[in-house]
Amino acid sequence: MASPMRSLLTDPARYLQSFRLFLANSTEHQCMQEFIERQLPDVIASIGNGKSTINVLSIGGGAGEVDLRILSKVQTRYPGVTINNDVIEPSGDQISKYKERVAKTSNLENVKFTWHEETAYEYESRMNAEKKSKKWDFIHMIQMLYYVKDVPATIRYFHSLLEAQAKLLIILVSGTSGWETLWKKYGSSFPLEDLCTYVSSADIKSILDSAGLKYQLHELPSHMDITSCFIEGNKDGELLLDFLTETYEFSKTAPPELKRQVIEELRKPQCSEQRDGKVLFNNNLSVIVIEP
């Protein structure tokens, strides 16, 4: 009998709901913000040297919250320089939110935005068909490599678009995170189909090492409060379980034994720590900065 489990990505509304709850319950954006404040200035220190225009490519820019923080650092480092910021984002809804955010943000006079409602792969195919290969001074892929069919090929392609002083920045879950433990053990039981692949910084490191590329790695400590996942019937807990397993209504559709094992796994020290009566899932991220 076919399992009734299906990928969370087949229901965009529930996916977005669970994703927002994940952001509210985790230090995801805070730890990225801290990285952007403290370490990004060094990363971009030479990308625009001697240039009157800086070209930035955001892959999977979402609603633009993190993008605009990054752009403000580029503006600070290169005052008055024109910045072309191209965004590849497959969700029309996210692009609309991004445009609204830009409209409400001051000091963006020198930034020119172009949005492409497409996936990274569609962008690559279109550029190849048009025989174009625009070069970029800074490319970033933040939490998006899970949604790419061929991760090594995607990294290879965008790396090939880097200018001489440019950088390619990737942020995704760390090989030391609870995600790594949970997915390496149970990923094959989750209904991902080809909508999503599990990939962590450990996988990216081996891809880069075998391609002989130079990179730096920064670890960002982060956690997510998953206490509600252990309360049977709790709505937030069910949404977070959906997000953790990328499964639509995991609590209701997973075989009882799988559900029991996953919930047990989430409590273990390899996945989470117990603090002040809460269960905090290890959501550590890695930032990988790749040289041209």
C-alpha atoms as a PDB file:
ATOM      1  CA  MET A   1       0.000   0.000   0.000  1.00  0.00           C
ATOM      2  CA  ALA A   2       1.365   3.414  -0.972  1.00  0.00           C
ATOM      3  CA  SER A   3       2.146   5.677   1.964  1.00  0.00           C
ATOM      4  CA  PRO A   4      -0.212   8.663   2.302  1.00  0.00           C
ATOM      5  CA  MET A   5       2.831  10.795   3.168  1.00  0.00           C
ATOM      6  CA  ARG A   6       3.593  13.584   0.717  1.00  0.00           C
ATOM      7  CA  SER A   7       6.179  16.323   0.495  1.00  0.00           C
ATOM      8  CA  LEU A   8       5.429  19.544   2.359  1.00  0.00           C
ATOM      9  CA  LEU A   9       6.443  21.414  -0.789  1.00  0.00           C
ATOM     10  CA  THR A  10       3.322  20.110  -2.563  1.00  0.00           C
ATOM     11  CA  ASP A  11       1.322  22.501  -0.344  1.00  0.00           C
ATOM     12  CA  PRO A  12       2.981  25.938  -0.636  1.00  0.00           C
ATOM     13  CA  ALA A  13       0.608  27.584   1.862  1.00  0.00           C
ATOM     14  CA  ARG A  14       1.361  25.067   4.613  1.00  0.00           C
ATOM     15  CA  TYR A  15       5.050  25.147   3.730  1.00  0.00           C
ATOM     16  CA  LEU A  16       5.110  28.928   4.187  1.00  0.00           C
ATOM     17  CA  GLN A  17       3.143  28.648   7.444  1.00  0.00           C
ATOM     18  CA  SER A  18       5.607  26.093   8.849  1.00  0.00           C
ATOM     19  CA  PHE A  19       8.592  28.086   7.575  1.00  0.00           C
ATOM     20  CA  ARG A  20       7.372  31.264   9.319  1.00  0.00           C
ATOM     21  CA  LEU A  21       6.880  29.317  12.532  1.00  0.00           C
ATOM     22  CA  PHE A  22      10.402  27.903  12.163  1.00  0.00           C
ATOM     23  CA  LEU A  23      11.781  31.457  11.871  1.00  0.00           C
ATOM     24  CA  ALA A  24       9.754  32.591  14.891  1.00  0.00           C
ATOM     25  CA  ASN A  25      10.977  29.635  16.999  1.00  0.00           C
ATOM     26  CA  SER A  26      14.608  29.656  15.913  1.00  0.00           C
ATOM     27  CA  THR A  27      17.635  31.937  16.015  1.00  0.00           C
ATOM     28  CA  GLU A  28      18.116  31.414  12.253  1.00  0.00           C
ATOM     29  CA  HIS A  29      17.820  35.051  11.210  1.00  0.00           C
ATOM     30  CA  GLN A  30      19.592  36.371  14.321  1.00  0.00           C
ATOM     31  CA  CYS A  31      22.698  34.266  13.709  1.00  0.00           C
ATOM     32  CA  MET A  32      22.747  35.270  10.013  1.00  0.00           C
ATOM     33  CA  GLN A  33      22.319  38.908  11.014  1.00  0.00           C
ATOM     34  CA  GLU A  34      25.264  38.626  13.375  1.00  0.00           C
ATOM     35  CA  PHE A  35      27.389  37.118  10.598  1.00  0.00           C
ATOM     36  CA  ILE A  36      26.359  39.921   8.207  1.00  0.00           C
ATOM     37  CA  GLU A  37      27.204  42.562  10.829  1.00  0.00           C
ATOM     38  CA  ARG A  38      30.520  41.141  11.988  1.00  0.00           C
ATOM     39  CA  GLN A  39      32.037  39.004   9.258  1.00  0.00           C
ATOM     40  CA  LEU A  40      30.485  39.961   5.931  1.00  0.00           C
ATOM     41  CA  PRO A  41      32.435  43.253   5.686  1.00  0.00           C
ATOM     42  CA  ASP A  42      35.676  41.213   5.458  1.00  0.00           C
ATOM     43  CA  VAL A  43      34.161  38.876   2.868  1.00  0.00           C
ATOM     44  CA  ILE A  44      33.194  41.757   0.546  1.00  0.00           C
ATOM     45  CA  ALA A  45      36.269  43.879   1.298  1.00  0.00           C
ATOM     46  CA  SER A  46      37.688  43.606  -2.231  1.00  0.00           C
ATOM     47  CA  ILE A  47      34.746  42.630  -4.484  1.00  0.00           C
ATOM     48  CA  GLY A  48      34.264  46.174  -5.793  1.00  0.00           C
ATOM     49  CA  ASN A  49      37.815  47.508  -5.860  1.00  0.00           C
ATOM     50  CA  GLY A  50      38.179  50.093  -8.604  1.00  0.00           C
ATOM     51  CA  LYS A  51      34.657  49.490  -9.945  1.00  0.00           C
ATOM     52  CA  SER A  52      31.956  52.067 -10.644  1.00  0.00           C
ATOM     53  CA  THR A  53      29.290  49.334 -10.671  1.00  0.00           C
ATOM     54  CA  ILE A  54      29.020  46.222  -8.509  1.00  0.00           C
ATOM     55  CA  ASN A  55      26.932  43.286  -9.752  1.00  0.00           C
ATOM     56  CA  VAL A  56      25.282  41.160  -7.060  1.00  0.00           C
ATOM     57  CA  LEU A  57      23.316  37.975  -7.760  1.00  0.00           C
ATOM     58  CA  SER A  58      20.944  36.608  -5.110  1.00  0.00           C
ATOM     59  CA  ILE A  59      19.854  33.022  -5.745  1.00  0.00           C
ATOM     60  CA  GLY A  60      16.673  32.114  -3.876  1.00  0.00           C
ATOM     61  CA  GLY A  61      16.319  35.622  -2.439  1.00  0.00           C
ATOM     62  CA  GLY A  62      12.921  34.904  -0.881  1.00  0.00           C
ATOM     63  CA  ALA A  63      11.189  37.989   0.493  1.00  0.00           C
ATOM     64  CA  GLY A  64      14.434  39.962   0.564  1.00  0.00           C
ATOM     65  CA  GLU A  65      14.917  40.386   4.299  1.00  0.00           C
ATOM     66  CA  VAL A  66      18.456  38.986   4.355  1.00  0.00           C
ATOM     67  CA  ASP A  67      19.264  40.394   0.896  1.00  0.00           C
ATOM     68  CA  LEU A  68      18.657  43.979   2.002  1.00  0.00           C
ATOM     69  CA  ARG A  69      20.949  43.540   5.011  1.00  0.00           C
ATOM     70  CA  ILE A  70      23.681  42.251   2.713  1.00  0.00           C
ATOM     71  CA  LEU A  71      23.171  45.167   0.293  1.00  0.00           C
ATOM     72  CA  SER A  72      23.474  47.692   3.105  1.00  0.00           C
ATOM     73  CA  LYS A  73      26.913  46.265   3.941  1.00  0.00           C
ATOM     74  CA  VAL A  74      27.956  46.503   0.279  1.00  0.00           C
ATOM     75  CA  GLN A  75      26.744  50.124   0.231  1.00  0.00           C
ATOM     76  CA  THR A  76      28.685  50.927   3.402  1.00  0.00           C
ATOM     77  CA  ARG A  77      31.878  49.429   1.984  1.00  0.00           C
ATOM     78  CA  TYR A  78      31.473  51.117  -1.441  1.00  0.00           C
ATOM     79  CA  PRO A  79      29.591  54.382  -0.835  1.00  0.00           C
ATOM     80  CA  GLY A  80      27.944  55.910  -3.890  1.00  0.00           C
ATOM     81  CA  VAL A  81      28.779  53.004  -6.195  1.00  0.00           C
ATOM     82  CA  THR A  82      25.905  51.733  -8.373  1.00  0.00           C
ATOM     83  CA  ILE A  83      24.802  48.231  -7.368  1.00  0.00           C
ATOM     84  CA  ASN A  84      22.932  45.981  -9.789  1.00  0.00           C
ATOM     85  CA  ASN A  85      21.110  43.434  -7.650  1.00  0.00           C
ATOM     86  CA  ASP A  86      19.565  40.572  -9.613  1.00  0.00           C
ATOM     87  CA  VAL A  87      17.308  38.159  -7.754  1.00  0.00           C
ATOM     88  CA  ILE A  88      16.452  34.611  -8.827  1.00  0.00           C
ATOM     89  CA  GLU A  89      13.364  33.465  -6.910  1.00  0.00           C
ATOM     90  CA  PRO A  90      10.770  30.957  -8.176  1.00  0.00           C
ATOM     91  CA  SER A  91       7.917  32.129  -5.911  1.00  0.00           C
ATOM     92  CA  GLY A  92       5.875  35.052  -7.280  1.00  0.00           C
ATOM     93  CA  ASP A  93       4.443  35.595  -3.804  1.00  0.00           C
ATOM     94  CA  GLN A  94       7.933  35.979  -2.300  1.00  0.00           C
ATOM     95  CA  ILE A  95       8.949  38.392  -5.091  1.00  0.00           C
ATOM     96  CA  SER A  96       5.878  40.566  -4.361  1.00  0.00           C
ATOM     97  CA  LYS A  97       6.870  40.704  -0.686  1.00  0.00           C
ATOM     98  CA  TYR A  98      10.460  41.531  -1.695  1.00  0.00           C
ATOM     99  CA  LYS A  99       9.238  44.435  -3.870  1.00  0.00           C
ATOM    100  CA  GLU A 100       7.066  45.732  -1.003  1.00  0.00           C
ATOM    101  CA  ARG A 101      10.076  45.587   1.314  1.00  0.00           C
ATOM    102  CA  VAL A 102      12.222  47.520  -1.174  1.00  0.00           C
ATOM    103  CA  ALA A 103       9.496  50.167  -1.546  1.00  0.00           C
ATOM    104  CA  LYS A 104       9.520  50.736   2.230  1.00  0.00           C
ATOM    105  CA  THR A 105      13.319  50.848   2.583  1.00  0.00           C
ATOM    106  CA  SER A 106      15.179  54.144   2.338  1.00  0.00           C
ATOM    107  CA  ASN A 107      18.726  54.686   1.013  1.00  0.00           C
ATOM    108  CA  LEU A 108      18.369  52.325  -1.935  1.00  0.00           C
ATOM    109  CA  GLU A 109      18.778  55.064  -4.571  1.00  0.00           C
ATOM    110  CA  ASN A 110      21.990  53.557  -5.937  1.00  0.00           C
ATOM    111  CA  VAL A 111      20.641  49.979  -6.072  1.00  0.00           C
ATOM    112  CA  LYS A 112      18.944  48.725  -9.217  1.00  0.00           C
ATOM    113  CA  PHE A 113      16.780  45.637  -8.654  1.00  0.00           C
ATOM    114  CA  THR A 114      15.898  43.035 -11.281  1.00  0.00           C
ATOM    115  CA  TRP A 115      13.753  40.050 -10.314  1.00  0.00           C
ATOM    116  CA  HIS A 116      13.641  36.776 -12.219  1.00  0.00           C
ATOM    117  CA  GLU A 117      10.727  34.515 -11.296  1.00  0.00           C
ATOM    118  CA  GLU A 118      12.542  31.246 -11.970  1.00  0.00           C
ATOM    119  CA  THR A 119      14.671  28.559 -10.363  1.00  0.00           C
ATOM    120  CA  ALA A 120      18.473  28.568 -10.455  1.00  0.00           C
ATOM    121  CA  TYR A 121      18.317  25.805 -13.060  1.00  0.00           C
ATOM    122  CA  GLU A 122      15.837  27.777 -15.234  1.00  0.00           C
ATOM    123  CA  TYR A 123      18.103  30.815 -15.024  1.00  0.00           C
ATOM    124  CA  GLU A 124      21.107  28.741 -16.103  1.00  0.00           C
ATOM    125  CA  SER A 125      19.159  27.175 -19.000  1.00  0.00           C
ATOM    126  CA  ARG A 126      17.899  30.585 -20.163  1.00  0.00           C
ATOM    127  CA  MET A 127      21.398  32.105 -20.056  1.00  0.00           C
ATOM    128  CA  ASN A 128      22.794  29.163 -22.012  1.00  0.00           C
ATOM    129  CA  ALA A 129      19.991  29.395 -24.587  1.00  0.00           C
ATOM    130  CA  GLU A 130      20.615  33.145 -24.966  1.00  0.00           C
ATOM    131  CA  LYS A 131      24.368  32.422 -25.116  1.00  0.00           C
ATOM    132  CA  LYS A 132      24.918  34.930 -22.291  1.00  0.00           C
ATOM    133  CA  SER A 133      27.196  34.588 -19.319  1.00  0.00           C
ATOM    134  CA  LYS A 134      27.109  37.743 -17.290  1.00  0.00           C
ATOM    135  CA  LYS A 135      29.875  37.941 -14.658  1.00  0.00           C
ATOM    136  CA  TRP A 136      29.159  38.842 -11.036  1.00  0.00           C
ATOM    137  CA  ASP A 137      31.129  40.457  -8.205  1.00  0.00           C
ATOM    138  CA  PHE A 138      29.176  38.757  -5.442  1.00  0.00           C
ATOM    139  CA  ILE A 139      26.822  35.762  -5.633  1.00  0.00           C
ATOM    140  CA  HIS A 140      24.990  34.392  -2.623  1.00  0.00           C
ATOM    141  CA  MET A 141      22.892  31.260  -2.106  1.00  0.00           C
ATOM    142  CA  ILE A 142      21.256  31.347   1.297  1.00  0.00           C
ATOM    143  CA  GLN A 143      19.399  28.207   2.439  1.00  0.00           C
ATOM    144  CA  MET A 144      18.496  27.264  -1.135  1.00  0.00           C
ATOM    145  CA  LEU A 145      20.731  24.369  -2.210  1.00  0.00           C
ATOM    146  CA  TYR A 146      18.180  21.874  -0.824  1.00  0.00           C
ATOM    147  CA  TYR A 147      15.897  22.741  -3.743  1.00  0.00           C
ATOM    148  CA  VAL A 148      18.395  22.094  -6.514  1.00  0.00           C
ATOM    149  CA  LYS A 149      18.429  18.835  -8.507  1.00  0.00           C
ATOM    150  CA  ASP A 150      22.190  18.709  -9.110  1.00  0.00           C
ATOM    151  CA  VAL A 151      24.107  20.487  -6.351  1.00  0.00           C
ATOM    152  CA  PRO A 152      27.676  20.041  -7.742  1.00  0.00           C
ATOM    153  CA  ALA A 153      26.588  21.255 -11.213  1.00  0.00           C
ATOM    154  CA  THR A 154      24.792  24.284  -9.747  1.00  0.00           C
ATOM    155  CA  ILE A 155      27.837  25.308  -7.704  1.00  0.00           C
ATOM    156  CA  ARG A 156      30.091  24.760 -10.731  1.00  0.00           C
ATOM    157  CA  TYR A 157      27.909  26.898 -13.000  1.00  0.00           C
ATOM    158  CA  PHE A 158      27.558  29.881 -10.646  1.00  0.00           C
ATOM    159  CA  HIS A 159      31.205  29.659  -9.633  1.00  0.00           C
ATOM    160  CA  SER A 160      32.068  30.033 -13.340  1.00  0.00           C
ATOM    161  CA  LEU A 161      30.260  33.413 -13.349  1.00  0.00           C
ATOM    162  CA  LEU A 162      32.563  35.001 -10.741  1.00  0.00           C
ATOM    163  CA  GLU A 163      34.715  38.018 -11.593  1.00  0.00           C
ATOM    164  CA  ALA A 164      38.411  37.955 -10.594  1.00  0.00           C
ATOM    165  CA  GLN A 165      37.894  39.556  -7.132  1.00  0.00           C
ATOM    166  CA  ALA A 166      34.430  38.092  -6.580  1.00  0.00           C
ATOM    167  CA  LYS A 167      33.076  35.750  -3.919  1.00  0.00           C
ATOM    168  CA  LEU A 168      30.401  33.054  -3.889  1.00  0.00           C
ATOM    169  CA  LEU A 169      28.732  32.796  -0.482  1.00  0.00           C
ATOM    170  CA  ILE A 170      26.682  29.745   0.541  1.00  0.00           C
ATOM    171  CA  ILE A 171      24.724  29.429   3.785  1.00  0.00           C
ATOM    172  CA  LEU A 172      23.108  26.116   4.712  1.00  0.00           C
ATOM    173  CA  VAL A 173      22.734  23.721   7.634  1.00  0.00           C
ATOM    174  CA  SER A 174      25.942  22.605   9.261  1.00  0.00           C
ATOM    175  CA  GLY A 175      27.276  19.061   9.099  1.00  0.00           C
ATOM    176  CA  THR A 176      27.273  19.239  12.930  1.00  0.00           C
ATOM    177  CA  SER A 177      23.559  20.157  13.203  1.00  0.00           C
ATOM    178  CA  GLY A 178      20.555  18.138  14.338  1.00  0.00           C
ATOM    179  CA  TRP A 179      19.377  18.242  10.704  1.00  0.00           C
ATOM    180  CA  GLU A 180      22.402  16.156   9.719  1.00  0.00           C
ATOM    181  CA  THR A 181      21.619  13.512  12.369  1.00  0.00           C
ATOM    182  CA  LEU A 182      17.870  13.383  11.643  1.00  0.00           C
ATOM    183  CA  TRP A 183      18.135  13.341   7.864  1.00  0.00           C
ATOM    184  CA  LYS A 184      21.037  10.940   7.531  1.00  0.00           C
ATOM    185  CA  LYS A 185      19.014   8.484   9.624  1.00  0.00           C
ATOM    186  CA  TYR A 186      15.435   9.047   8.408  1.00  0.00           C
ATOM    187  CA  GLY A 187      15.685  11.058   5.176  1.00  0.00           C
ATOM    188  CA  SER A 188      15.005   7.986   3.051  1.00  0.00           C
ATOM    189  CA  SER A 189      11.675   7.511   4.900  1.00  0.00           C
ATOM    190  CA  PHE A 190      10.475  11.049   4.130  1.00  0.00           C
ATOM    191  CA  PRO A 191       8.517  11.731   0.913  1.00  0.00           C
ATOM    192  CA  LEU A 192      10.914  14.147  -0.743  1.00  0.00           C
ATOM    193  CA  GLU A 193      10.526  12.937  -4.329  1.00  0.00           C
ATOM    194  CA  ASP A 194      12.683  15.270  -6.377  1.00  0.00           C
ATOM    195  CA  LEU A 195      11.410  18.482  -4.822  1.00  0.00           C
ATOM    196  CA  CYS A 196      14.117  18.659  -2.233  1.00  0.00           C
ATOM    197  CA  THR A 197      17.415  16.995  -1.394  1.00  0.00           C
ATOM    198  CA  TYR A 198      19.069  16.883   1.965  1.00  0.00           C
ATOM    199  CA  VAL A 199      22.445  18.563   1.814  1.00  0.00           C
ATOM    200  CA  SER A 200      24.661  19.997   4.569  1.00  0.00           C
ATOM    201  CA  SER A 201      27.983  21.815   4.766  1.00  0.00           C
ATOM    202  CA  ALA A 202      29.710  18.409   5.048  1.00  0.00           C
ATOM    203  CA  ASP A 203      28.482  17.537   1.521  1.00  0.00           C
ATOM    204  CA  ILE A 204      29.457  20.946   0.114  1.00  0.00           C
ATOM    205  CA  LYS A 205      32.963  20.662   1.556  1.00  0.00           C
ATOM    206  CA  SER A 206      33.544  17.347  -0.191  1.00  0.00           C
ATOM    207  CA  ILE A 207      32.159  18.783  -3.482  1.00  0.00           C
ATOM    208  CA  LEU A 208      34.526  21.779  -3.225  1.00  0.00           C
ATOM    209  CA  ASP A 209      37.498  19.661  -2.181  1.00  0.00           C
ATOM    210  CA  SER A 210      37.079  17.300  -5.102  1.00  0.00           C
ATOM    211  CA  ALA A 211      36.738  20.289  -7.484  1.00  0.00           C
ATOM    212  CA  GLY A 212      39.931  21.768  -5.981  1.00  0.00           C
ATOM    213  CA  LEU A 213      38.217  25.077  -5.107  1.00  0.00           C
ATOM    214  CA  LYS A 214      39.477  27.435  -2.406  1.00  0.00           C
ATOM    215  CA  TYR A 215      37.027  28.370   0.331  1.00  0.00           C
ATOM    216  CA  GLN A 216      36.637  29.472   3.958  1.00  0.00           C
ATOM    217  CA  LEU A 217      34.139  27.967   6.372  1.00  0.00           C
ATOM    218  CA  HIS A 218      32.423  29.768   9.275  1.00  0.00           C
ATOM    219  CA  GLU A 219      30.136  27.994  11.755  1.00  0.00           C
ATOM    220  CA  LEU A 220      27.066  29.870  13.063  1.00  0.00           C
ATOM    221  CA  PRO A 221      25.546  28.443  16.271  1.00  0.00           C
ATOM    222  CA  SER A 222      21.727  28.414  16.116  1.00  0.00           C
ATOM    223  CA  HIS A 223      18.847  26.558  17.758  1.00  0.00           C
ATOM    224  CA  MET A 224      15.100  26.073  17.384  1.00  0.00           C
ATOM    225  CA  ASP A 225      12.620  25.581  20.212  1.00  0.00           C
ATOM    226  CA  ILE A 226      10.779  22.338  19.355  1.00  0.00           C
ATOM    227  CA  THR A 227       9.181  21.757  22.791  1.00  0.00           C
ATOM    228  CA  SER A 228       5.692  21.858  21.228  1.00  0.00           C
ATOM    229  CA  CYS A 229       6.574  18.854  18.992  1.00  0.00           C
ATOM    230  CA  PHE A 230       6.266  16.600  22.037  1.00  0.00           C
ATOM    231  CA  ILE A 231       2.733  17.733  22.926  1.00  0.00           C
ATOM    232  CA  GLU A 232       0.285  15.453  21.118  1.00  0.00           C
ATOM    233  CA  GLY A 233      -2.199  17.458  19.022  1.00  0.00           C
ATOM    234  CA  ASN A 234      -0.363  20.776  19.461  1.00  0.00           C
ATOM    235  CA  LYS A 235      -0.870  22.781  16.225  1.00  0.00           C
ATOM    236  CA  ASP A 236       2.527  24.518  16.337  1.00  0.00           C
ATOM    237  CA  GLY A 237       4.228  21.241  17.173  1.00  0.00           C
ATOM    238  CA  GLU A 238       2.601  19.591  14.154  1.00  0.00           C
ATOM    239  CA  LEU A 239       3.734  22.395  11.853  1.00  0.00           C
ATOM    240  CA  LEU A 240       7.296  22.218  13.153  1.00  0.00           C
ATOM    241  CA  LEU A 241       7.329  18.437  12.649  1.00  0.00           C
ATOM    242  CA  ASP A 242       6.184  19.075   9.079  1.00  0.00           C
ATOM    243  CA  PHE A 243       9.095  21.456   8.620  1.00  0.00           C
ATOM    244  CA  LEU A 244      11.663  19.128  10.209  1.00  0.00           C
ATOM    245  CA  THR A 245      10.609  16.201   8.032  1.00  0.00           C
ATOM    246  CA  GLU A 246       9.551  18.234   4.935  1.00  0.00           C
ATOM    247  CA  THR A 247       6.333  16.196   5.124  1.00  0.00           C
ATOM    248  CA  TYR A 248       2.773  17.516   4.769  1.00  0.00           C
ATOM    249  CA  GLU A 249       0.874  16.724   8.000  1.00  0.00           C
ATOM    250  CA  PHE A 250       3.586  14.337   9.195  1.00  0.00           C
ATOM    251  CA  SER A 251       1.815  13.670  12.513  1.00  0.00           C
ATOM    252  CA  LYS A 252      -1.317  12.456  10.746  1.00  0.00           C
ATOM    253  CA  THR A 253       0.172  10.633   7.738  1.00  0.00           C
ATOM    254  CA  ALA A 254       3.413   9.035   8.964  1.00  0.00           C
ATOM    255  CA  PRO A 255       3.306   5.358   9.952  1.00  0.00           C
ATOM    256  CA  PRO A 256       3.019   5.264  13.786  1.00  0.00           C
ATOM    257  CA  GLU A 257       6.392   3.525  14.179  1.00  0.00           C
ATOM    258  CA  LEU A 258       8.213   6.145  12.061  1.00  0.00           C
ATOM    259  CA  LYS A 259       6.529   8.957  13.984  1.00  0.00           C
ATOM    260  CA  ARG A 260       7.556   7.383  17.296  1.00  0.00           C
ATOM    261  CA  GLN A 261      11.166   6.953  16.148  1.00  0.00           C
ATOM    262  CA  VAL A 262      11.457  10.498  14.798  1.00  0.00           C
ATOM    263  CA  ILE A 263      10.044  12.026  17.974  1.00  0.00           C
ATOM    264  CA  GLU A 264      12.412   9.893  20.046  1.00  0.00           C
ATOM    265  CA  GLU A 265      15.362  10.904  17.833  1.00  0.00           C
ATOM    266  CA  LEU A 266      14.536  14.606  18.219  1.00  0.00           C
ATOM    267  CA  ARG A 267      14.995  14.332  21.985  1.00  0.00           C
ATOM    268  CA  LYS A 268      18.459  12.757  21.746  1.00  0.00           C
ATOM    269  CA  PRO A 269      21.579  14.843  22.448  1.00  0.00           C
ATOM    270  CA  GLN A 270      22.774  14.420  18.827  1.00  0.00           C
ATOM    271  CA  CYS A 271      19.705  16.431  17.729  1.00  0.00           C
ATOM    272  CA  SER A 272      18.721  18.645  20.633  1.00  0.00           C
ATOM    273  CA  GLU A 273      19.605  19.832  24.100  1.00  0.00           C
ATOM    274  CA  GLN A 274      17.235  20.274  27.022  1.00  0.00           C
ATOM    275  CA  ARG A 275      17.482  23.677  28.649  1.00  0.00           C
ATOM    276  CA  ASP A 276      15.135  25.422  31.147  1.00  0.00           C
ATOM    277  CA  GLY A 277      12.418  22.853  30.490  1.00  0.00           C
ATOM    278  CA  LYS A 278      12.647  23.398  26.723  1.00  0.00           C
ATOM    279  CA  VAL A 279      13.881  21.122  23.961  1.00  0.00           C
ATOM    280  CA  LEU A 280      16.216  23.115  21.700  1.00  0.00           C
ATOM    281  CA  PHE A 281      16.993  21.550  18.344  1.00  0.00           C
ATOM    282  CA  ASN A 282      20.528  22.094  17.006  1.00  0.00           C
ATOM    283  CA  ASN A 283      19.960  24.374  14.000  1.00  0.00           C
ATOM    284  CA  ASN A 284      23.643  25.282  13.470  1.00  0.00           C
ATOM    285  CA  LEU A 285      24.449  26.817  10.103  1.00  0.00           C
ATOM    286  CA  SER A 286      27.629  26.989   8.046  1.00  0.00           C
ATOM    287  CA  VAL A 287      28.767  29.851   5.854  1.00  0.00           C
ATOM    288  CA  ILE A 288      31.044  28.844   3.009  1.00  0.00           C
ATOM    289  CA  VAL A 289      32.850  31.586   1.098  1.00  0.00           C
ATOM    290  CA  ILE A 290      34.269  30.368  -2.214  1.00  0.00           C
ATOM    291  CA  GLU A 291      37.059  32.130  -4.103  1.00  0.00           C
ATOM    292  CA  PRO A 292      36.956  32.573  -7.917  1.00  0.00           C
END
